[in-house]
N, C-alpha and C. Protein backbone atom coordinates (compact mmCIF):
# COMPACT_ATOMS: atom_id res chain seq x y z
N MET A 1 54.80 -63.95 23.94
CA MET A 1 53.49 -64.56 23.79
C MET A 1 52.45 -63.45 23.59
N GLU A 2 51.58 -63.68 22.65
CA GLU A 2 50.50 -62.74 22.39
C GLU A 2 49.52 -62.77 23.58
N LYS A 3 48.98 -61.62 23.92
CA LYS A 3 48.08 -61.53 25.08
C LYS A 3 46.88 -62.45 24.92
N PHE A 4 46.51 -63.09 26.00
CA PHE A 4 45.36 -63.99 26.00
C PHE A 4 44.13 -63.32 26.60
N TYR A 5 44.23 -62.01 26.86
CA TYR A 5 43.11 -61.26 27.41
C TYR A 5 43.06 -59.87 26.80
N ASN A 6 41.90 -59.26 26.91
CA ASN A 6 41.72 -57.88 26.45
C ASN A 6 41.15 -57.06 27.59
N ILE A 7 41.63 -55.84 27.73
CA ILE A 7 41.10 -54.93 28.75
C ILE A 7 39.89 -54.22 28.15
N LEU A 8 38.74 -54.40 28.80
CA LEU A 8 37.51 -53.76 28.35
C LEU A 8 37.35 -52.38 28.96
N SER A 9 37.73 -52.25 30.24
CA SER A 9 37.68 -50.94 30.90
C SER A 9 38.65 -50.94 32.07
N HIS A 10 38.98 -49.71 32.52
CA HIS A 10 39.96 -49.53 33.59
C HIS A 10 39.56 -48.31 34.40
N LYS A 11 39.47 -48.48 35.73
CA LYS A 11 39.22 -47.36 36.63
C LYS A 11 40.34 -47.29 37.64
N THR A 12 40.72 -46.07 37.99
CA THR A 12 41.78 -45.86 38.96
C THR A 12 41.29 -44.95 40.07
N GLU A 13 41.60 -45.33 41.30
CA GLU A 13 41.36 -44.48 42.48
C GLU A 13 42.61 -44.56 43.34
N THR A 14 43.38 -43.51 43.37
CA THR A 14 44.65 -43.42 44.10
C THR A 14 45.51 -44.62 43.75
N ASN A 15 45.71 -45.56 44.65
CA ASN A 15 46.59 -46.71 44.41
C ASN A 15 45.82 -47.98 44.10
N SER A 16 44.56 -47.85 43.79
CA SER A 16 43.72 -49.00 43.48
C SER A 16 43.28 -48.94 42.02
N HIS A 17 43.38 -50.06 41.34
CA HIS A 17 43.01 -50.15 39.93
C HIS A 17 42.03 -51.29 39.75
N SER A 18 41.03 -51.05 38.94
CA SER A 18 40.03 -52.07 38.63
C SER A 18 39.94 -52.20 37.12
N TYR A 19 40.13 -53.42 36.64
CA TYR A 19 40.09 -53.71 35.21
C TYR A 19 38.97 -54.72 34.96
N PHE A 20 38.20 -54.50 33.92
CA PHE A 20 37.31 -55.53 33.44
C PHE A 20 37.96 -56.08 32.18
N ILE A 21 38.12 -57.39 32.15
CA ILE A 21 38.81 -58.04 31.05
C ILE A 21 37.93 -59.11 30.43
N SER A 22 38.28 -59.48 29.23
CA SER A 22 37.70 -60.67 28.60
C SER A 22 38.87 -61.54 28.17
N LEU A 23 38.67 -62.84 28.29
CA LEU A 23 39.70 -63.78 27.88
C LEU A 23 39.45 -64.19 26.43
N ASP A 24 40.52 -64.38 25.69
CA ASP A 24 40.43 -64.86 24.32
C ASP A 24 40.38 -66.39 24.38
N ASN A 25 39.17 -66.94 24.44
CA ASN A 25 39.06 -68.39 24.63
C ASN A 25 39.51 -69.19 23.40
N ASN A 26 39.88 -68.51 22.32
CA ASN A 26 40.43 -69.19 21.15
C ASN A 26 41.96 -69.13 21.12
N HIS A 27 42.56 -68.54 22.16
CA HIS A 27 44.02 -68.43 22.21
C HIS A 27 44.65 -69.82 22.22
N THR A 28 45.79 -69.95 21.55
CA THR A 28 46.44 -71.26 21.42
C THR A 28 46.86 -71.85 22.77
N LEU A 29 47.12 -71.04 23.77
CA LEU A 29 47.55 -71.59 25.06
C LEU A 29 46.47 -72.47 25.68
N PHE A 30 45.22 -72.20 25.40
CA PHE A 30 44.14 -73.01 25.97
C PHE A 30 44.00 -74.35 25.26
N LYS A 31 44.55 -74.47 24.07
CA LYS A 31 44.50 -75.75 23.36
C LYS A 31 45.44 -76.77 24.01
N GLY A 32 46.47 -76.29 24.68
CA GLY A 32 47.43 -77.19 25.32
C GLY A 32 47.24 -77.31 26.81
N HIS A 33 46.36 -76.52 27.37
CA HIS A 33 46.22 -76.50 28.84
C HIS A 33 44.75 -76.52 29.23
N PHE A 34 44.07 -77.38 29.19
CA PHE A 34 44.05 -78.77 28.76
C PHE A 34 43.07 -78.87 27.60
N PRO A 35 43.36 -79.59 26.53
CA PRO A 35 42.54 -79.56 25.33
C PRO A 35 41.06 -79.92 25.56
N GLU A 36 40.80 -80.89 26.39
CA GLU A 36 39.42 -81.32 26.62
C GLU A 36 38.69 -80.46 27.64
N PHE A 37 39.43 -79.79 28.52
CA PHE A 37 38.84 -78.97 29.57
C PHE A 37 39.79 -77.81 29.86
N PRO A 38 39.79 -76.78 28.98
CA PRO A 38 40.76 -75.70 29.14
C PRO A 38 40.54 -74.87 30.41
N VAL A 39 41.64 -74.52 31.07
CA VAL A 39 41.62 -73.65 32.24
C VAL A 39 42.70 -72.59 32.06
N VAL A 40 42.55 -71.48 32.77
CA VAL A 40 43.58 -70.46 32.76
C VAL A 40 44.64 -70.88 33.78
N PRO A 41 45.87 -71.12 33.36
CA PRO A 41 46.92 -71.52 34.30
C PRO A 41 47.16 -70.44 35.36
N GLY A 42 47.39 -70.88 36.58
CA GLY A 42 47.64 -69.95 37.68
C GLY A 42 48.83 -69.04 37.40
N ALA A 43 49.86 -69.57 36.74
CA ALA A 43 51.04 -68.75 36.43
C ALA A 43 50.67 -67.57 35.53
N LEU A 44 49.67 -67.75 34.68
CA LEU A 44 49.26 -66.65 33.81
C LEU A 44 48.46 -65.60 34.56
N LEU A 45 47.77 -66.00 35.60
CA LEU A 45 47.08 -65.01 36.44
C LEU A 45 48.11 -64.15 37.17
N VAL A 46 49.17 -64.78 37.66
CA VAL A 46 50.26 -64.04 38.31
C VAL A 46 50.91 -63.10 37.30
N GLN A 47 51.13 -63.59 36.08
CA GLN A 47 51.73 -62.76 35.03
C GLN A 47 50.82 -61.58 34.69
N MET A 48 49.52 -61.81 34.64
CA MET A 48 48.59 -60.73 34.32
C MET A 48 48.65 -59.63 35.37
N ILE A 49 48.76 -60.01 36.65
CA ILE A 49 48.88 -59.01 37.71
C ILE A 49 50.14 -58.17 37.50
N ARG A 50 51.24 -58.84 37.15
CA ARG A 50 52.48 -58.09 36.89
C ARG A 50 52.31 -57.15 35.69
N ASP A 51 51.73 -57.65 34.61
CA ASP A 51 51.52 -56.81 33.42
C ASP A 51 50.69 -55.57 33.76
N LEU A 52 49.60 -55.76 34.48
CA LEU A 52 48.71 -54.64 34.81
C LEU A 52 49.39 -53.66 35.77
N THR A 53 50.17 -54.19 36.71
CA THR A 53 50.88 -53.32 37.66
C THR A 53 51.96 -52.53 36.94
N GLU A 54 52.70 -53.19 36.05
CA GLU A 54 53.72 -52.47 35.27
C GLU A 54 53.08 -51.36 34.45
N SER A 55 51.95 -51.63 33.87
CA SER A 55 51.25 -50.63 33.07
C SER A 55 50.79 -49.46 33.95
N ALA A 56 50.25 -49.78 35.13
CA ALA A 56 49.76 -48.74 36.04
C ALA A 56 50.90 -47.84 36.53
N LEU A 57 52.06 -48.43 36.78
CA LEU A 57 53.20 -47.67 37.32
C LEU A 57 54.15 -47.17 36.25
N ASN A 58 54.01 -47.69 35.04
CA ASN A 58 54.93 -47.39 33.96
C ASN A 58 56.37 -47.73 34.37
N LYS A 59 56.52 -48.91 34.99
CA LYS A 59 57.83 -49.40 35.44
C LYS A 59 57.89 -50.89 35.17
N LYS A 60 59.11 -51.38 34.89
CA LYS A 60 59.33 -52.81 34.76
C LYS A 60 59.56 -53.38 36.15
N LEU A 61 58.92 -54.52 36.42
CA LEU A 61 58.99 -55.12 37.75
C LEU A 61 59.53 -56.55 37.67
N ARG A 62 60.11 -56.97 38.79
CA ARG A 62 60.59 -58.34 38.93
C ARG A 62 59.96 -58.92 40.20
N LEU A 63 59.26 -60.03 40.05
CA LEU A 63 58.62 -60.68 41.18
C LEU A 63 59.70 -61.23 42.12
N THR A 64 59.63 -60.84 43.40
CA THR A 64 60.61 -61.33 44.37
C THR A 64 59.98 -62.25 45.41
N GLU A 65 58.68 -62.08 45.64
CA GLU A 65 58.04 -62.89 46.66
C GLU A 65 56.53 -62.97 46.42
N ALA A 66 56.00 -64.16 46.56
CA ALA A 66 54.56 -64.36 46.55
C ALA A 66 54.18 -64.73 47.98
N THR A 67 53.71 -63.74 48.74
CA THR A 67 53.46 -63.98 50.16
C THR A 67 52.17 -64.75 50.40
N ASN A 68 51.22 -64.62 49.47
CA ASN A 68 49.95 -65.32 49.63
C ASN A 68 49.31 -65.44 48.25
N VAL A 69 49.08 -66.66 47.82
CA VAL A 69 48.40 -66.91 46.55
C VAL A 69 47.36 -67.99 46.79
N LYS A 70 46.11 -67.63 46.56
CA LYS A 70 45.02 -68.58 46.78
C LYS A 70 44.20 -68.70 45.49
N PHE A 71 44.20 -69.90 44.93
CA PHE A 71 43.35 -70.20 43.78
C PHE A 71 42.08 -70.84 44.34
N LEU A 72 41.00 -70.10 44.32
CA LEU A 72 39.76 -70.54 44.97
C LEU A 72 38.82 -71.27 44.04
N LYS A 73 38.87 -70.97 42.76
CA LYS A 73 38.02 -71.60 41.77
C LYS A 73 38.74 -71.51 40.43
N MET A 74 38.64 -72.58 39.64
CA MET A 74 39.28 -72.56 38.32
C MET A 74 38.60 -71.50 37.44
N LEU A 75 39.42 -70.73 36.77
CA LEU A 75 38.92 -69.77 35.80
C LEU A 75 38.97 -70.44 34.44
N LEU A 76 37.80 -70.62 33.85
CA LEU A 76 37.69 -71.28 32.56
C LEU A 76 37.59 -70.21 31.48
N PRO A 77 38.32 -70.39 30.37
CA PRO A 77 38.35 -69.34 29.36
C PRO A 77 36.98 -68.96 28.82
N PHE A 78 36.08 -69.92 28.66
CA PHE A 78 34.77 -69.58 28.13
C PHE A 78 33.89 -68.88 29.15
N GLU A 79 34.28 -68.89 30.43
CA GLU A 79 33.57 -68.13 31.46
C GLU A 79 34.15 -66.72 31.58
N GLY A 80 35.30 -66.50 31.01
CA GLY A 80 36.05 -65.27 31.24
C GLY A 80 35.68 -64.12 30.34
N THR A 81 34.39 -63.88 30.17
CA THR A 81 34.00 -62.77 29.31
C THR A 81 33.83 -61.48 30.09
N ASN A 82 33.71 -61.57 31.40
CA ASN A 82 33.51 -60.36 32.21
C ASN A 82 34.16 -60.56 33.58
N VAL A 83 35.47 -60.61 33.58
CA VAL A 83 36.23 -60.83 34.81
C VAL A 83 36.76 -59.49 35.30
N GLU A 84 36.58 -59.23 36.58
CA GLU A 84 37.13 -58.01 37.18
C GLU A 84 38.44 -58.36 37.87
N VAL A 85 39.47 -57.63 37.52
CA VAL A 85 40.78 -57.79 38.16
C VAL A 85 41.05 -56.51 38.93
N THR A 86 41.21 -56.63 40.24
CA THR A 86 41.53 -55.45 41.04
C THR A 86 42.95 -55.60 41.58
N ILE A 87 43.67 -54.49 41.57
CA ILE A 87 45.01 -54.48 42.16
C ILE A 87 45.14 -53.25 43.04
N ASP A 88 45.67 -53.47 44.22
CA ASP A 88 45.99 -52.40 45.16
C ASP A 88 47.50 -52.37 45.27
N ILE A 89 48.08 -51.22 45.00
CA ILE A 89 49.53 -51.08 44.91
C ILE A 89 50.04 -50.19 46.04
N SER A 90 51.08 -50.68 46.70
CA SER A 90 51.75 -49.91 47.75
C SER A 90 53.23 -49.82 47.38
N GLU A 91 53.69 -48.61 47.12
CA GLU A 91 55.09 -48.42 46.74
C GLU A 91 55.91 -47.95 47.92
N GLY A 92 57.06 -48.54 48.07
CA GLY A 92 58.03 -48.18 49.09
C GLY A 92 59.37 -48.69 48.60
N GLU A 93 60.11 -49.31 49.49
CA GLU A 93 61.36 -49.94 49.07
C GLU A 93 61.07 -51.00 48.01
N ASN A 94 59.96 -51.70 48.18
CA ASN A 94 59.46 -52.68 47.22
C ASN A 94 58.07 -52.23 46.76
N VAL A 95 57.56 -52.90 45.75
CA VAL A 95 56.20 -52.65 45.29
C VAL A 95 55.37 -53.83 45.76
N LYS A 96 54.41 -53.55 46.65
CA LYS A 96 53.53 -54.60 47.18
C LYS A 96 52.19 -54.49 46.48
N VAL A 97 51.69 -55.65 46.04
CA VAL A 97 50.46 -55.68 45.27
C VAL A 97 49.53 -56.74 45.85
N LYS A 98 48.28 -56.34 46.03
CA LYS A 98 47.22 -57.29 46.37
C LYS A 98 46.29 -57.33 45.18
N GLY A 99 46.05 -58.52 44.66
CA GLY A 99 45.22 -58.66 43.47
C GLY A 99 44.10 -59.65 43.70
N THR A 100 43.00 -59.43 42.99
CA THR A 100 41.85 -60.32 43.06
C THR A 100 41.26 -60.47 41.66
N PHE A 101 40.89 -61.70 41.34
CA PHE A 101 40.15 -62.00 40.11
C PHE A 101 38.77 -62.46 40.53
N LYS A 102 37.72 -61.80 39.99
CA LYS A 102 36.37 -62.21 40.35
C LYS A 102 35.40 -61.90 39.21
N SER A 103 34.26 -62.53 39.30
CA SER A 103 33.17 -62.27 38.38
C SER A 103 31.89 -62.33 39.21
N GLY A 104 31.25 -61.18 39.39
CA GLY A 104 30.09 -61.14 40.27
C GLY A 104 30.50 -61.52 41.68
N GLU A 105 29.85 -62.52 42.24
CA GLU A 105 30.16 -62.99 43.59
C GLU A 105 31.24 -64.07 43.61
N ILE A 106 31.63 -64.55 42.45
CA ILE A 106 32.61 -65.64 42.35
C ILE A 106 34.02 -65.07 42.40
N ILE A 107 34.80 -65.52 43.36
CA ILE A 107 36.21 -65.12 43.47
C ILE A 107 37.06 -66.29 42.99
N TYR A 108 37.86 -66.03 41.97
CA TYR A 108 38.71 -67.07 41.39
C TYR A 108 40.07 -67.15 42.07
N CYS A 109 40.62 -66.00 42.40
CA CYS A 109 42.00 -65.99 42.88
C CYS A 109 42.27 -64.72 43.68
N LYS A 110 43.07 -64.86 44.74
CA LYS A 110 43.56 -63.72 45.52
C LYS A 110 45.08 -63.87 45.62
N LEU A 111 45.78 -62.75 45.44
CA LEU A 111 47.23 -62.79 45.47
C LEU A 111 47.80 -61.63 46.26
N SER A 112 48.88 -61.88 46.96
CA SER A 112 49.69 -60.83 47.59
C SER A 112 51.11 -61.06 47.09
N LEU A 113 51.62 -60.09 46.35
CA LEU A 113 52.91 -60.24 45.67
C LEU A 113 53.81 -59.05 45.99
N ILE A 114 55.11 -59.32 45.98
CA ILE A 114 56.09 -58.28 46.21
C ILE A 114 57.05 -58.25 45.03
N TYR A 115 57.26 -57.05 44.50
CA TYR A 115 58.14 -56.85 43.35
C TYR A 115 59.25 -55.87 43.72
N THR A 116 60.34 -55.98 42.98
CA THR A 116 61.36 -54.94 42.96
C THR A 116 61.29 -54.29 41.59
N ILE A 117 61.74 -53.05 41.52
CA ILE A 117 61.77 -52.37 40.23
C ILE A 117 62.97 -52.88 39.47
N ASP A 118 62.74 -53.35 38.26
CA ASP A 118 63.78 -53.90 37.42
C ASP A 118 64.57 -52.76 36.79
N LYS A 119 65.83 -52.67 37.11
CA LYS A 119 66.68 -51.57 36.63
C LYS A 119 67.20 -51.81 35.21
N ASN A 120 67.06 -53.03 34.69
CA ASN A 120 67.58 -53.36 33.35
C ASN A 120 66.68 -52.90 32.26
């Protein structure tokens, strides 16, 4: 699937990464989810965290556990012109990631995910 977002900027501080993204509100996925009132599917927010974490670590990851996922407000594609995605990464036996999607004071989603490094 072609990316439905673009990275506008990226800052890194040790194990913390902050991305400002814009959503492609003309992407075909929004025409089917839902045509009259498009929203960003929660599964794609989880996928975006994995994509950004893989890029930050330069490793392929496999999601093994979602310990905490809270969707606090629907993220609408036409609102997604300046969304900040933050990820805090802790590497050990597993890769633990805490992610947040927000715009200004509005928090859309918080996630705590655990990955294993994909050896394939």
